[in-house]
Amino acid sequence: MKKFQDVRKSLEKKYPNGVERQYPDGTPIPKELPAFYELGNSKQNCANCNYYVPGTKNCKLFGAKVKPNYWCKKWIAIKNQTT
């Protein structure tokens, strides 16, 4: 347990705002997006989520820019659309 605590303290010192997550192309993933934000599938993704704003590619729930082909556990189908 002590070793884990030492590693954690070291990482917190090196990355005081947390480790920056990135898309495969190296673009940073906005910190407002949850840890469970990841690559989606053809049935459930940001582009067909009720929280997605197509023109701005923003998520209304998290207030951040998202990629249409990604997904998170808060996904809700667009009203009047089946999955």
PDB file of N, CA and C in Angstrom:
ATOM      1  N   MET A   1       0.825  -1.195   0.000  1.00  0.00           N
ATOM      2  CA  MET A   1       0.000   0.000   0.000  1.00  0.00           C
ATOM      3  C   MET A   1       0.867   1.255   0.000  1.00  0.00           C
ATOM      4  N   LYS A   2       1.967   1.227   0.739  1.00  0.00           N
ATOM      5  CA  LYS A   2       2.859   2.388   0.808  1.00  0.00           C
ATOM      6  C   LYS A   2       3.430   2.714  -0.562  1.00  0.00           C
ATOM      7  N   LYS A   3       3.808   1.671  -1.314  1.00  0.00           N
ATOM      8  CA  LYS A   3       4.377   1.894  -2.640  1.00  0.00           C
ATOM      9  C   LYS A   3       3.349   2.595  -3.546  1.00  0.00           C
ATOM     10  N   PHE A   4       2.098   2.163  -3.496  1.00  0.00           N
ATOM     11  CA  PHE A   4       1.042   2.787  -4.281  1.00  0.00           C
ATOM     12  C   PHE A   4       0.895   4.258  -3.900  1.00  0.00           C
ATOM     13  N   GLN A   5       0.905   4.559  -2.628  1.00  0.00           N
ATOM     14  CA  GLN A   5       0.779   5.943  -2.159  1.00  0.00           C
ATOM     15  C   GLN A   5       1.942   6.797  -2.638  1.00  0.00           C
ATOM     16  N   ASP A   6       3.151   6.229  -2.642  1.00  0.00           N
ATOM     17  CA  ASP A   6       4.326   6.964  -3.122  1.00  0.00           C
ATOM     18  C   ASP A   6       4.201   7.280  -4.613  1.00  0.00           C
ATOM     19  N   VAL A   7       3.753   6.308  -5.387  1.00  0.00           N
ATOM     20  CA  VAL A   7       3.577   6.515  -6.827  1.00  0.00           C
ATOM     21  C   VAL A   7       2.501   7.573  -7.058  1.00  0.00           C
ATOM     22  N   ARG A   8       1.418   7.475  -6.315  1.00  0.00           N
ATOM     23  CA  ARG A   8       0.335   8.446  -6.459  1.00  0.00           C
ATOM     24  C   ARG A   8       0.811   9.861  -6.143  1.00  0.00           C
ATOM     25  N   LYS A   9       1.539  10.030  -5.063  1.00  0.00           N
ATOM     26  CA  LYS A   9       2.058  11.351  -4.692  1.00  0.00           C
ATOM     27  C   LYS A   9       2.999  11.886  -5.761  1.00  0.00           C
ATOM     28  N   SER A  10       3.819  11.018  -6.308  1.00  0.00           N
ATOM     29  CA  SER A  10       4.757  11.407  -7.356  1.00  0.00           C
ATOM     30  C   SER A  10       4.006  11.897  -8.599  1.00  0.00           C
ATOM     31  N   LEU A  11       2.962  11.166  -8.991  1.00  0.00           N
ATOM     32  CA  LEU A  11       2.171  11.560 -10.157  1.00  0.00           C
ATOM     33  C   LEU A  11       1.414  12.856  -9.900  1.00  0.00           C
ATOM     34  N   GLU A  12       0.870  13.013  -8.696  1.00  0.00           N
ATOM     35  CA  GLU A  12       0.150  14.247  -8.366  1.00  0.00           C
ATOM     36  C   GLU A  12       1.086  15.453  -8.397  1.00  0.00           C
ATOM     37  N   LYS A  13       2.326  15.246  -7.997  1.00  0.00           N
ATOM     38  CA  LYS A  13       3.304  16.335  -8.022  1.00  0.00           C
ATOM     39  C   LYS A  13       3.677  16.681  -9.467  1.00  0.00           C
ATOM     40  N   LYS A  14       3.872  15.648 -10.283  1.00  0.00           N
ATOM     41  CA  LYS A  14       4.264  15.848 -11.674  1.00  0.00           C
ATOM     42  C   LYS A  14       3.110  16.395 -12.508  1.00  0.00           C
ATOM     43  N   TYR A  15       1.886  15.938 -12.226  1.00  0.00           N
ATOM     44  CA  TYR A  15       0.693  16.353 -12.968  1.00  0.00           C
ATOM     45  C   TYR A  15      -0.358  16.873 -11.976  1.00  0.00           C
ATOM     46  N   PRO A  16      -0.195  18.097 -11.488  1.00  0.00           N
ATOM     47  CA  PRO A  16      -1.118  18.602 -10.467  1.00  0.00           C
ATOM     48  C   PRO A  16      -2.570  18.689 -10.925  1.00  0.00           C
ATOM     49  N   ASN A  17      -2.816  18.823 -12.202  1.00  0.00           N
ATOM     50  CA  ASN A  17      -4.186  18.895 -12.719  1.00  0.00           C
ATOM     51  C   ASN A  17      -4.648  17.571 -13.308  1.00  0.00           C
ATOM     52  N   GLY A  18      -3.935  16.512 -13.013  1.00  0.00           N
ATOM     53  CA  GLY A  18      -4.275  15.199 -13.556  1.00  0.00           C
ATOM     54  C   GLY A  18      -3.558  14.931 -14.860  1.00  0.00           C
ATOM     55  N   VAL A  19      -3.525  13.693 -15.250  1.00  0.00           N
ATOM     56  CA  VAL A  19      -2.885  13.299 -16.504  1.00  0.00           C
ATOM     57  C   VAL A  19      -3.813  13.694 -17.647  1.00  0.00           C
ATOM     58  N   GLU A  20      -3.259  14.362 -18.630  1.00  0.00           N
ATOM     59  CA  GLU A  20      -4.052  14.802 -19.773  1.00  0.00           C
ATOM     60  C   GLU A  20      -4.344  13.632 -20.691  1.00  0.00           C
ATOM     61  N   ARG A  21      -5.625  13.413 -20.942  1.00  0.00           N
ATOM     62  CA  ARG A  21      -6.022  12.362 -21.882  1.00  0.00           C
ATOM     63  C   ARG A  21      -5.977  12.934 -23.288  1.00  0.00           C
ATOM     64  N   GLN A  22      -5.742  12.070 -24.258  1.00  0.00           N
ATOM     65  CA  GLN A  22      -5.621  12.514 -25.643  1.00  0.00           C
ATOM     66  C   GLN A  22      -6.344  11.554 -26.572  1.00  0.00           C
ATOM     67  N   TYR A  23      -6.819  12.119 -27.683  1.00  0.00           N
ATOM     68  CA  TYR A  23      -7.342  11.294 -28.766  1.00  0.00           C
ATOM     69  C   TYR A  23      -6.153  10.624 -29.444  1.00  0.00           C
ATOM     70  N   PRO A  24      -6.387   9.586 -30.251  1.00  0.00           N
ATOM     71  CA  PRO A  24      -5.279   8.914 -30.943  1.00  0.00           C
ATOM     72  C   PRO A  24      -4.402   9.852 -31.773  1.00  0.00           C
ATOM     73  N   ASP A  25      -4.970  10.963 -32.269  1.00  0.00           N
ATOM     74  CA  ASP A  25      -4.174  11.892 -33.079  1.00  0.00           C
ATOM     75  C   ASP A  25      -3.370  12.884 -32.219  1.00  0.00           C
ATOM     76  N   GLY A  26      -3.456  12.749 -30.895  1.00  0.00           N
ATOM     77  CA  GLY A  26      -2.689  13.613 -29.995  1.00  0.00           C
ATOM     78  C   GLY A  26      -3.434  14.841 -29.505  1.00  0.00           C
ATOM     79  N   THR A  27      -4.620  15.098 -30.041  1.00  0.00           N
ATOM     80  CA  THR A  27      -5.440  16.229 -29.602  1.00  0.00           C
ATOM     81  C   THR A  27      -5.913  15.972 -28.173  1.00  0.00           C
ATOM     82  N   PRO A  28      -5.797  16.953 -27.290  1.00  0.00           N
ATOM     83  CA  PRO A  28      -6.258  16.741 -25.912  1.00  0.00           C
ATOM     84  C   PRO A  28      -7.770  16.526 -25.822  1.00  0.00           C
ATOM     85  N   ILE A  29      -8.179  15.631 -24.952  1.00  0.00           N
ATOM     86  CA  ILE A  29      -9.592  15.422 -24.657  1.00  0.00           C
ATOM     87  C   ILE A  29      -9.952  16.427 -23.563  1.00  0.00           C
ATOM     88  N   PRO A  30     -11.005  17.220 -23.759  1.00  0.00           N
ATOM     89  CA  PRO A  30     -11.365  18.219 -22.750  1.00  0.00           C
ATOM     90  C   PRO A  30     -11.529  17.605 -21.359  1.00  0.00           C
ATOM     91  N   LYS A  31     -11.015  18.284 -20.354  1.00  0.00           N
ATOM     92  CA  LYS A  31     -11.066  17.796 -18.982  1.00  0.00           C
ATOM     93  C   LYS A  31     -12.490  17.690 -18.443  1.00  0.00           C
ATOM     94  N   GLU A  32     -13.431  18.418 -19.046  1.00  0.00           N
ATOM     95  CA  GLU A  32     -14.829  18.370 -18.600  1.00  0.00           C
ATOM     96  C   GLU A  32     -15.489  17.030 -18.909  1.00  0.00           C
ATOM     97  N   LEU A  33     -14.935  16.297 -19.867  1.00  0.00           N
ATOM     98  CA  LEU A  33     -15.528  15.020 -20.268  1.00  0.00           C
ATOM     99  C   LEU A  33     -15.162  13.934 -19.263  1.00  0.00           C
ATOM    100  N   PRO A  34     -16.088  13.020 -19.001  1.00  0.00           N
ATOM    101  CA  PRO A  34     -15.865  11.990 -17.979  1.00  0.00           C
ATOM    102  C   PRO A  34     -14.819  10.955 -18.382  1.00  0.00           C
ATOM    103  N   ALA A  35     -14.325  10.252 -17.395  1.00  0.00           N
ATOM    104  CA  ALA A  35     -13.331   9.203 -17.640  1.00  0.00           C
ATOM    105  C   ALA A  35     -13.892   8.115 -18.544  1.00  0.00           C
ATOM    106  N   PHE A  36     -15.209   7.927 -18.526  1.00  0.00           N
ATOM    107  CA  PHE A  36     -15.827   6.885 -19.339  1.00  0.00           C
ATOM    108  C   PHE A  36     -16.175   7.350 -20.749  1.00  0.00           C
ATOM    109  N   TYR A  37     -15.629   8.470 -21.197  1.00  0.00           N
ATOM    110  CA  TYR A  37     -15.777   8.949 -22.580  1.00  0.00           C
ATOM    111  C   TYR A  37     -14.774   8.189 -23.431  1.00  0.00           C
ATOM    112  N   GLU A  38     -15.267   7.486 -24.445  1.00  0.00           N
ATOM    113  CA  GLU A  38     -14.396   6.642 -25.266  1.00  0.00           C
ATOM    114  C   GLU A  38     -14.975   6.470 -26.663  1.00  0.00           C
ATOM    115  N   LEU A  39     -14.261   5.765 -27.513  1.00  0.00           N
ATOM    116  CA  LEU A  39     -14.712   5.511 -28.874  1.00  0.00           C
ATOM    117  C   LEU A  39     -16.049   4.770 -28.830  1.00  0.00           C
ATOM    118  N   GLY A  40     -17.020   5.258 -29.591  1.00  0.00           N
ATOM    119  CA  GLY A  40     -18.349   4.662 -29.596  1.00  0.00           C
ATOM    120  C   GLY A  40     -18.493   3.558 -30.623  1.00  0.00           C
ATOM    121  N   ASN A  41     -19.732   3.231 -30.913  1.00  0.00           N
ATOM    122  CA  ASN A  41     -20.009   2.228 -31.938  1.00  0.00           C
ATOM    123  C   ASN A  41     -21.075   2.787 -32.877  1.00  0.00           C
ATOM    124  N   SER A  42     -21.500   2.010 -33.852  1.00  0.00           N
ATOM    125  CA  SER A  42     -22.439   2.529 -34.851  1.00  0.00           C
ATOM    126  C   SER A  42     -23.837   2.791 -34.290  1.00  0.00           C
ATOM    127  N   LYS A  43     -24.184   2.157 -33.181  1.00  0.00           N
ATOM    128  CA  LYS A  43     -25.519   2.348 -32.606  1.00  0.00           C
ATOM    129  C   LYS A  43     -25.554   3.429 -31.536  1.00  0.00           C
ATOM    130  N   GLN A  44     -24.497   3.584 -30.783  1.00  0.00           N
ATOM    131  CA  GLN A  44     -24.456   4.580 -29.717  1.00  0.00           C
ATOM    132  C   GLN A  44     -23.175   5.391 -29.825  1.00  0.00           C
ATOM    133  N   ASN A  45     -23.339   6.665 -30.148  1.00  0.00           N
ATOM    134  CA  ASN A  45     -22.194   7.565 -30.229  1.00  0.00           C
ATOM    135  C   ASN A  45     -22.695   8.993 -30.025  1.00  0.00           C
ATOM    136  N   CYS A  46     -21.794   9.921 -29.876  1.00  0.00           N
ATOM    137  CA  CYS A  46     -22.179  11.311 -29.621  1.00  0.00           C
ATOM    138  C   CYS A  46     -23.097  11.854 -30.711  1.00  0.00           C
ATOM    139  N   ALA A  47     -22.846  11.501 -31.961  1.00  0.00           N
ATOM    140  CA  ALA A  47     -23.627  12.041 -33.074  1.00  0.00           C
ATOM    141  C   ALA A  47     -25.107  11.687 -32.988  1.00  0.00           C
ATOM    142  N   ASN A  48     -25.450  10.579 -32.320  1.00  0.00           N
ATOM    143  CA  ASN A  48     -26.867  10.235 -32.200  1.00  0.00           C
ATOM    144  C   ASN A  48     -27.331  10.263 -30.740  1.00  0.00           C
ATOM    145  N   CYS A  49     -26.686  11.115 -29.956  1.00  0.00           N
ATOM    146  CA  CYS A  49     -27.048  11.302 -28.547  1.00  0.00           C
ATOM    147  C   CYS A  49     -27.892  12.565 -28.386  1.00  0.00           C
ATOM    148  N   ASN A  50     -28.824  12.529 -27.483  1.00  0.00           N
ATOM    149  CA  ASN A  50     -29.707  13.665 -27.227  1.00  0.00           C
ATOM    150  C   ASN A  50     -28.945  14.905 -26.751  1.00  0.00           C
ATOM    151  N   TYR A  51     -27.777  14.732 -26.137  1.00  0.00           N
ATOM    152  CA  TYR A  51     -27.001  15.862 -25.611  1.00  0.00           C
ATOM    153  C   TYR A  51     -26.090  16.522 -26.653  1.00  0.00           C
ATOM    154  N   TYR A  52     -25.969  15.932 -27.818  1.00  0.00           N
ATOM    155  CA  TYR A  52     -25.046  16.415 -28.853  1.00  0.00           C
ATOM    156  C   TYR A  52     -25.631  17.586 -29.635  1.00  0.00           C
ATOM    157  N   VAL A  53     -24.808  18.604 -29.864  1.00  0.00           N
ATOM    158  CA  VAL A  53     -25.204  19.763 -30.670  1.00  0.00           C
ATOM    159  C   VAL A  53     -24.406  19.693 -31.969  1.00  0.00           C
ATOM    160  N   PRO A  54     -25.021  19.262 -33.077  1.00  0.00           N
ATOM    161  CA  PRO A  54     -24.293  19.035 -34.325  1.00  0.00           C
ATOM    162  C   PRO A  54     -23.484  20.226 -34.844  1.00  0.00           C
ATOM    163  N   GLY A  55     -24.044  21.399 -34.855  1.00  0.00           N
ATOM    164  CA  GLY A  55     -23.345  22.560 -35.414  1.00  0.00           C
ATOM    165  C   GLY A  55     -22.042  22.896 -34.713  1.00  0.00           C
ATOM    166  N   THR A  56     -22.036  22.749 -33.396  1.00  0.00           N
ATOM    167  CA  THR A  56     -20.839  23.104 -32.613  1.00  0.00           C
ATOM    168  C   THR A  56     -20.039  21.892 -32.162  1.00  0.00           C
ATOM    169  N   LYS A  57     -20.627  20.698 -32.329  1.00  0.00           N
ATOM    170  CA  LYS A  57     -20.028  19.441 -31.851  1.00  0.00           C
ATOM    171  C   LYS A  57     -19.787  19.477 -30.341  1.00  0.00           C
ATOM    172  N   ASN A  58     -20.680  20.163 -29.633  1.00  0.00           N
ATOM    173  CA  ASN A  58     -20.590  20.248 -28.174  1.00  0.00           C
ATOM    174  C   ASN A  58     -21.563  19.283 -27.523  1.00  0.00           C
ATOM    175  N   CYS A  59     -21.220  18.891 -26.314  1.00  0.00           N
ATOM    176  CA  CYS A  59     -22.092  18.083 -25.486  1.00  0.00           C
ATOM    177  C   CYS A  59     -22.790  19.024 -24.505  1.00  0.00           C
ATOM    178  N   LYS A  60     -24.130  19.041 -24.534  1.00  0.00           N
ATOM    179  CA  LYS A  60     -24.890  19.910 -23.631  1.00  0.00           C
ATOM    180  C   LYS A  60     -24.748  19.478 -22.179  1.00  0.00           C
ATOM    181  N   LEU A  61     -24.537  18.203 -21.928  1.00  0.00           N
ATOM    182  CA  LEU A  61     -24.435  17.697 -20.563  1.00  0.00           C
ATOM    183  C   LEU A  61     -23.126  18.108 -19.887  1.00  0.00           C
ATOM    184  N   PHE A  62     -22.013  17.977 -20.617  1.00  0.00           N
ATOM    185  CA  PHE A  62     -20.708  18.264 -20.037  1.00  0.00           C
ATOM    186  C   PHE A  62     -20.133  19.616 -20.441  1.00  0.00           C
ATOM    187  N   GLY A  63     -20.771  20.295 -21.382  1.00  0.00           N
ATOM    188  CA  GLY A  63     -20.302  21.613 -21.789  1.00  0.00           C
ATOM    189  C   GLY A  63     -18.921  21.587 -22.419  1.00  0.00           C
ATOM    190  N   ALA A  64     -18.683  20.605 -23.276  1.00  0.00           N
ATOM    191  CA  ALA A  64     -17.372  20.475 -23.913  1.00  0.00           C
ATOM    192  C   ALA A  64     -17.534  19.967 -25.339  1.00  0.00           C
ATOM    193  N   LYS A  65     -16.533  20.241 -26.157  1.00  0.00           N
ATOM    194  CA  LYS A  65     -16.511  19.761 -27.541  1.00  0.00           C
ATOM    195  C   LYS A  65     -16.212  18.265 -27.524  1.00  0.00           C
ATOM    196  N   VAL A  66     -16.981  17.516 -28.326  1.00  0.00           N
ATOM    197  CA  VAL A  66     -16.800  16.064 -28.419  1.00  0.00           C
ATOM    198  C   VAL A  66     -16.612  15.647 -29.868  1.00  0.00           C
ATOM    199  N   LYS A  67     -16.188  14.420 -30.055  1.00  0.00           N
ATOM    200  CA  LYS A  67     -16.070  13.854 -31.399  1.00  0.00           C
ATOM    201  C   LYS A  67     -17.333  13.029 -31.654  1.00  0.00           C
ATOM    202  N   PRO A  68     -17.948  13.204 -32.828  1.00  0.00           N
ATOM    203  CA  PRO A  68     -19.213  12.524 -33.120  1.00  0.00           C
ATOM    204  C   PRO A  68     -19.162  11.006 -32.985  1.00  0.00           C
ATOM    205  N   ASN A  69     -18.008  10.393 -33.233  1.00  0.00           N
ATOM    206  CA  ASN A  69     -17.909   8.931 -33.185  1.00  0.00           C
ATOM    207  C   ASN A  69     -17.521   8.395 -31.805  1.00  0.00           C
ATOM    208  N   TYR A  70     -17.458   9.268 -30.799  1.00  0.00           N
ATOM    209  CA  TYR A  70     -17.163   8.834 -29.428  1.00  0.00           C
ATOM    210  C   TYR A  70     -18.460   8.650 -28.655  1.00  0.00           C
ATOM    211  N   TRP A  71     -18.372   8.224 -27.395  1.00  0.00           N
ATOM    212  CA  TRP A  71     -19.526   7.821 -26.605  1.00  0.00           C
ATOM    213  C   TRP A  71     -19.194   7.932 -25.124  1.00  0.00           C
ATOM    214  N   CYS A  72     -20.215   8.057 -24.284  1.00  0.00           N
ATOM    215  CA  CYS A  72     -20.032   7.935 -22.834  1.00  0.00           C
ATOM    216  C   CYS A  72     -21.252   7.254 -22.231  1.00  0.00           C
ATOM    217  N   LYS A  73     -21.158   6.880 -20.958  1.00  0.00           N
ATOM    218  CA  LYS A  73     -22.227   6.138 -20.292  1.00  0.00           C
ATOM    219  C   LYS A  73     -23.497   6.958 -20.093  1.00  0.00           C
ATOM    220  N   LYS A  74     -23.430   8.246 -20.300  1.00  0.00           N
ATOM    221  CA  LYS A  74     -24.615   9.101 -20.163  1.00  0.00           C
ATOM    222  C   LYS A  74     -25.406   9.205 -21.467  1.00  0.00           C
ATOM    223  N   TRP A  75     -25.005   8.435 -22.491  1.00  0.00           N
ATOM    224  CA  TRP A  75     -25.652   8.474 -23.793  1.00  0.00           C
ATOM    225  C   TRP A  75     -27.147   8.235 -23.660  1.00  0.00           C
ATOM    226  N   ILE A  76     -27.929   9.086 -24.343  1.00  0.00           N
ATOM    227  CA  ILE A  76     -29.389   8.933 -24.428  1.00  0.00           C
ATOM    228  C   ILE A  76     -29.763   9.144 -25.896  1.00  0.00           C
ATOM    229  N   ALA A  77     -30.572   8.247 -26.417  1.00  0.00           N
ATOM    230  CA  ALA A  77     -30.993   8.352 -27.816  1.00  0.00           C
ATOM    231  C   ALA A  77     -31.710   9.680 -28.065  1.00  0.00           C
ATOM    232  N   ILE A  78     -31.525  10.215 -29.246  1.00  0.00           N
ATOM    233  CA  ILE A  78     -32.239  11.413 -29.653  1.00  0.00           C
ATOM    234  C   ILE A  78     -33.724  11.069 -29.640  1.00  0.00           C
ATOM    235  N   LYS A  79     -34.519  11.950 -29.099  1.00  0.00           N
ATOM    236  CA  LYS A  79     -35.956  11.686 -29.024  1.00  0.00           C
ATOM    237  C   LYS A  79     -36.519  11.389 -30.412  1.00  0.00           C
ATOM    238  N   ASN A  80     -37.422  10.417 -30.456  1.00  0.00           N
ATOM    239  CA  ASN A  80     -38.050   9.970 -31.701  1.00  0.00           C
ATOM    240  C   ASN A  80     -37.082   9.247 -32.626  1.00  0.00           C
ATOM    241  N   GLN A  81     -36.001   8.693 -32.053  1.00  0.00           N
ATOM    242  CA  GLN A  81     -35.034   7.932 -32.854  1.00  0.00           C
ATOM    243  C   GLN A  81     -34.825   6.603 -32.169  1.00  0.00           C
ATOM    244  N   THR A  82     -34.774   5.521 -32.912  1.00  0.00           N
ATOM    245  CA  THR A  82     -34.519   4.213 -32.352  1.00  0.00           C
ATOM    246  C   THR A  82     -33.075   3.854 -32.579  1.00  0.00           C
ATOM    247  N   THR A  83     -32.547   2.973 -31.741  1.00  0.00           N
ATOM    248  CA  THR A  83     -31.141   2.579 -31.858  1.00  0.00           C
ATOM    249  C   THR A  83     -30.954   1.315 -32.630  1.00  0.00           C
TER     250      THR A  83
END
